[in-house]
C-alpha atoms as a PDB file:
ATOM      1  CA  UNK A   1     126.479  79.954  98.131  1.00  0.00           C
ATOM      2  CA  UNK A   2     123.869  77.808  99.875  1.00  0.00           C
ATOM      3  CA  UNK A   3     120.314  77.230  98.688  1.00  0.00           C
ATOM      4  CA  UNK A   4     119.013  79.599 101.365  1.00  0.00           C
ATOM      5  CA  UNK A   5     121.302  82.379 100.181  1.00  0.00           C
ATOM      6  CA  UNK A   6     120.229  81.877  96.569  1.00  0.00           C
ATOM      7  CA  UNK A   7     116.539  81.788  97.511  1.00  0.00           C
ATOM      8  CA  UNK A   8     116.879  84.918  99.647  1.00  0.00           C
ATOM      9  CA  UNK A   9     118.648  86.769  96.847  1.00  0.00           C
ATOM     10  CA  UNK A  10     116.022  85.782  94.278  1.00  0.00           C
ATOM     11  CA  UNK A  11     113.160  86.680  96.637  1.00  0.00           C
ATOM     12  CA  UNK A  12     114.781  90.030  97.451  1.00  0.00           C
ATOM     13  CA  UNK A  13     115.326  90.866  93.793  1.00  0.00           C
ATOM     14  CA  UNK A  14     111.732  89.945  92.894  1.00  0.00           C
ATOM     15  CA  UNK A  15     110.436  92.108  95.755  1.00  0.00           C
ATOM     16  CA  UNK A  16     112.730  94.965  94.753  1.00  0.00           C
ATOM     17  CA  UNK A  17     111.549  94.822  91.127  1.00  0.00           C
ATOM     18  CA  UNK A  18     107.910  94.717  92.270  1.00  0.00           C
ATOM     19  CA  UNK A  19     108.369  97.774  94.511  1.00  0.00           C
ATOM     20  CA  UNK A  20     110.102  99.694  91.725  1.00  0.00           C
ATOM     21  CA  UNK A  21     107.283  98.803  89.311  1.00  0.00           C
ATOM     22  CA  UNK A  22     104.719 100.066  91.831  1.00  0.00           C
ATOM     23  CA  UNK A  23     106.668 103.314  92.201  1.00  0.00           C
ATOM     24  CA  UNK A  24     106.829 103.793  88.434  1.00  0.00           C
ATOM     25  CA  UNK A  25     103.065 103.274  88.105  1.00  0.00           C
ATOM     26  CA  UNK A  26     102.461 105.671  91.004  1.00  0.00           C
ATOM     27  CA  UNK A  27     100.653 102.882  92.869  1.00  0.00           C
ATOM     28  CA  UNK A  28     102.742 103.610  95.934  1.00  0.00           C
ATOM     29  CA  UNK A  29     104.136 106.853  97.261  1.00  0.00           C
ATOM     30  CA  UNK A  30     107.862 107.225  97.749  1.00  0.00           C
ATOM     31  CA  UNK A  31     107.304 107.997 101.424  1.00  0.00           C
ATOM     32  CA  UNK A  32     105.535 104.666 102.001  1.00  0.00           C
ATOM     33  CA  UNK A  33     107.892 102.663  99.812  1.00  0.00           C
ATOM     34  CA  UNK A  34     111.005 103.525 101.822  1.00  0.00           C
ATOM     35  CA  UNK A  35     110.092 101.016 104.516  1.00  0.00           C
ATOM     36  CA  UNK A  36     109.447  98.319 101.931  1.00  0.00           C
ATOM     37  CA  UNK A  37     112.745  99.026 100.182  1.00  0.00           C
ATOM     38  CA  UNK A  38     114.676  98.187 103.361  1.00  0.00           C
ATOM     39  CA  UNK A  39     113.389  94.613 103.408  1.00  0.00           C
ATOM     40  CA  UNK A  40     114.949  93.396 100.130  1.00  0.00           C
ATOM     41  CA  UNK A  41     118.126  95.355 100.802  1.00  0.00           C
ATOM     42  CA  UNK A  42     118.488  93.628 104.172  1.00  0.00           C
ATOM     43  CA  UNK A  43     117.824  90.251 102.509  1.00  0.00           C
ATOM     44  CA  UNK A  44     120.547  90.866  99.949  1.00  0.00           C
ATOM     45  CA  UNK A  45     123.085  91.943 102.580  1.00  0.00           C
ATOM     46  CA  UNK A  46     122.280  88.885 104.704  1.00  0.00           C
ATOM     47  CA  UNK A  47     122.559  86.603 101.665  1.00  0.00           C
ATOM     48  CA  UNK A  48     125.987  88.005 100.841  1.00  0.00           C
ATOM     49  CA  UNK A  49     127.289  88.112 104.430  1.00  0.00           C
ATOM     50  CA  UNK A  50     125.488  85.373 106.420  1.00  0.00           C
ATOM     51  CA  UNK A  51     128.243  84.768 108.980  1.00  0.00           C
ATOM     52  CA  UNK A  52     127.384  87.598 111.428  1.00  0.00           C
ATOM     53  CA  UNK A  53     123.706  86.696 111.317  1.00  0.00           C
ATOM     54  CA  UNK A  54     124.494  83.002 111.756  1.00  0.00           C
ATOM     55  CA  UNK A  55     126.603  83.777 114.806  1.00  0.00           C
ATOM     56  CA  UNK A  56     123.815  85.937 116.258  1.00  0.00           C
ATOM     57  CA  UNK A  57     121.227  83.224 115.568  1.00  0.00           C
ATOM     58  CA  UNK A  58     123.385  80.620 117.294  1.00  0.00           C
ATOM     59  CA  UNK A  59     123.993  82.942 120.245  1.00  0.00           C
ATOM     60  CA  UNK A  60     120.230  83.540 120.612  1.00  0.00           C
ATOM     61  CA  UNK A  61     119.569  79.797 120.498  1.00  0.00           C
ATOM     62  CA  UNK A  62     118.019  79.321 117.063  1.00  0.00           C
ATOM     63  CA  UNK A  63     118.651  75.914 115.523  1.00  0.00           C
ATOM     64  CA  UNK A  64     118.791  77.150 111.935  1.00  0.00           C
ATOM     65  CA  UNK A  65     119.469  80.458 110.278  1.00  0.00           C
ATOM     66  CA  UNK A  66     116.218  80.246 108.319  1.00  0.00           C
ATOM     67  CA  UNK A  67     114.171  80.308 111.547  1.00  0.00           C
ATOM     68  CA  UNK A  68     115.993  83.434 112.645  1.00  0.00           C
ATOM     69  CA  UNK A  69     115.451  85.054 109.244  1.00  0.00           C
ATOM     70  CA  UNK A  70     111.723  84.300 109.451  1.00  0.00           C
ATOM     71  CA  UNK A  71     111.615  85.916 112.888  1.00  0.00           C
ATOM     72  CA  UNK A  72     113.395  89.032 111.633  1.00  0.00           C
ATOM     73  CA  UNK A  73     111.124  89.232 108.588  1.00  0.00           C
ATOM     74  CA  UNK A  74     107.983  88.899 110.683  1.00  0.00           C
ATOM     75  CA  UNK A  75     109.270  91.538 113.101  1.00  0.00           C
ATOM     76  CA  UNK A  76     109.971  93.954 110.224  1.00  0.00           C
ATOM     77  CA  UNK A  77     106.510  93.360 108.755  1.00  0.00           C
ATOM     78  CA  UNK A  78     104.922  94.002 112.144  1.00  0.00           C
ATOM     79  CA  UNK A  79     106.877  97.265 112.433  1.00  0.00           C
ATOM     80  CA  UNK A  80     105.753  98.315 108.951  1.00  0.00           C
ATOM     81  CA  UNK A  81     102.138  97.490 109.868  1.00  0.00           C
ATOM     82  CA  UNK A  82     102.458  99.491 113.077  1.00  0.00           C
ATOM     83  CA  UNK A  83     103.771 102.577 111.294  1.00  0.00           C
ATOM     84  CA  UNK A  84     101.105 102.264 108.585  1.00  0.00           C
ATOM     85  CA  UNK A  85      98.449 102.023 111.302  1.00  0.00           C
ATOM     86  CA  UNK A  86      99.757 105.261 112.810  1.00  0.00           C
ATOM     87  CA  UNK A  87      99.599 106.890 109.375  1.00  0.00           C
ATOM     88  CA  UNK A  88      96.031 105.688 108.786  1.00  0.00           C
ATOM     89  CA  UNK A  89      94.974 106.973 112.219  1.00  0.00           C
ATOM     90  CA  UNK A  90      96.398 110.413 111.463  1.00  0.00           C
ATOM     91  CA  UNK A  91      94.648 110.450 108.100  1.00  0.00           C
ATOM     92  CA  UNK A  92      91.337 109.461 109.690  1.00  0.00           C
ATOM     93  CA  UNK A  93      91.636 112.380 112.110  1.00  0.00           C
ATOM     94  CA  UNK A  94      92.444 114.739 109.243  1.00  0.00           C
ATOM     95  CA  UNK A  95      89.495 113.450 107.211  1.00  0.00           C
ATOM     96  CA  UNK A  96      87.137 113.937 110.163  1.00  0.00           C
ATOM     97  CA  UNK A  97      88.400 117.488 110.657  1.00  0.00           C
ATOM     98  CA  UNK A  98      88.038 118.257 106.932  1.00  0.00           C
ATOM     99  CA  UNK A  99      84.482 116.889 106.882  1.00  0.00           C
ATOM    100  CA  UNK A 100      83.569 119.055 109.867  1.00  0.00           C
ATOM    101  CA  UNK A 101      85.090 122.162 108.260  1.00  0.00           C
ATOM    102  CA  UNK A 102      83.321 121.443 104.963  1.00  0.00           C
ATOM    103  CA  UNK A 103      80.019 120.960 106.764  1.00  0.00           C
ATOM    104  CA  UNK A 104      80.434 124.291 108.546  1.00  0.00           C
ATOM    105  CA  UNK A 105      81.238 126.033 105.258  1.00  0.00           C
ATOM    106  CA  UNK A 106      78.219 124.472 103.534  1.00  0.00           C
ATOM    107  CA  UNK A 107      76.007 125.439 106.447  1.00  0.00           C
ATOM    108  CA  UNK A 108      77.261 129.032 106.303  1.00  0.00           C
ATOM    109  CA  UNK A 109      76.784 129.094 102.533  1.00  0.00           C
ATOM    110  CA  UNK A 110      73.199 127.824 102.866  1.00  0.00           C
ATOM    111  CA  UNK A 111      72.467 130.527 105.444  1.00  0.00           C
ATOM    112  CA  UNK A 112      73.811 133.217 103.105  1.00  0.00           C
ATOM    113  CA  UNK A 113      71.879 131.922 100.115  1.00  0.00           C
ATOM    114  CA  UNK A 114      68.615 131.900 102.092  1.00  0.00           C
ATOM    115  CA  UNK A 115      69.134 135.485 103.220  1.00  0.00           C
END
C-alpha cells in the first residue's frame, strides 16, 4: 500500500467516525448524512482498488492520481453543496408560506377577539 492509499484510508475512517458521531448526537439528520456517507466509502474503495482510477486518471491526462482524487472530491463537495442549496431554498419557501398562514390566523383571531 502506498502512502496515498494509507492517508486516504485514515482520512476516510476519521470522516466516517465523525459522521457517525454526529448521527448519534442527532446533530445531523439521516437524510442529510447519506450524501456525506458516500464520500468516505468512495475513498475506502479507491484506496483498496486504485488501479481502475489510476487508469482513468492517466486516460484523462492527469499527471498524478492525487490530483484526480482532489478533482473528484471537489466535484462531490460541489454536488453536495448544490443539493443542500436546493433543500435550503425549499425550506425558505415553506417558512415564508407558514409565516403568511400564521399571520392570517393571528389577524383572524384578533378580529374575533375584538368582536
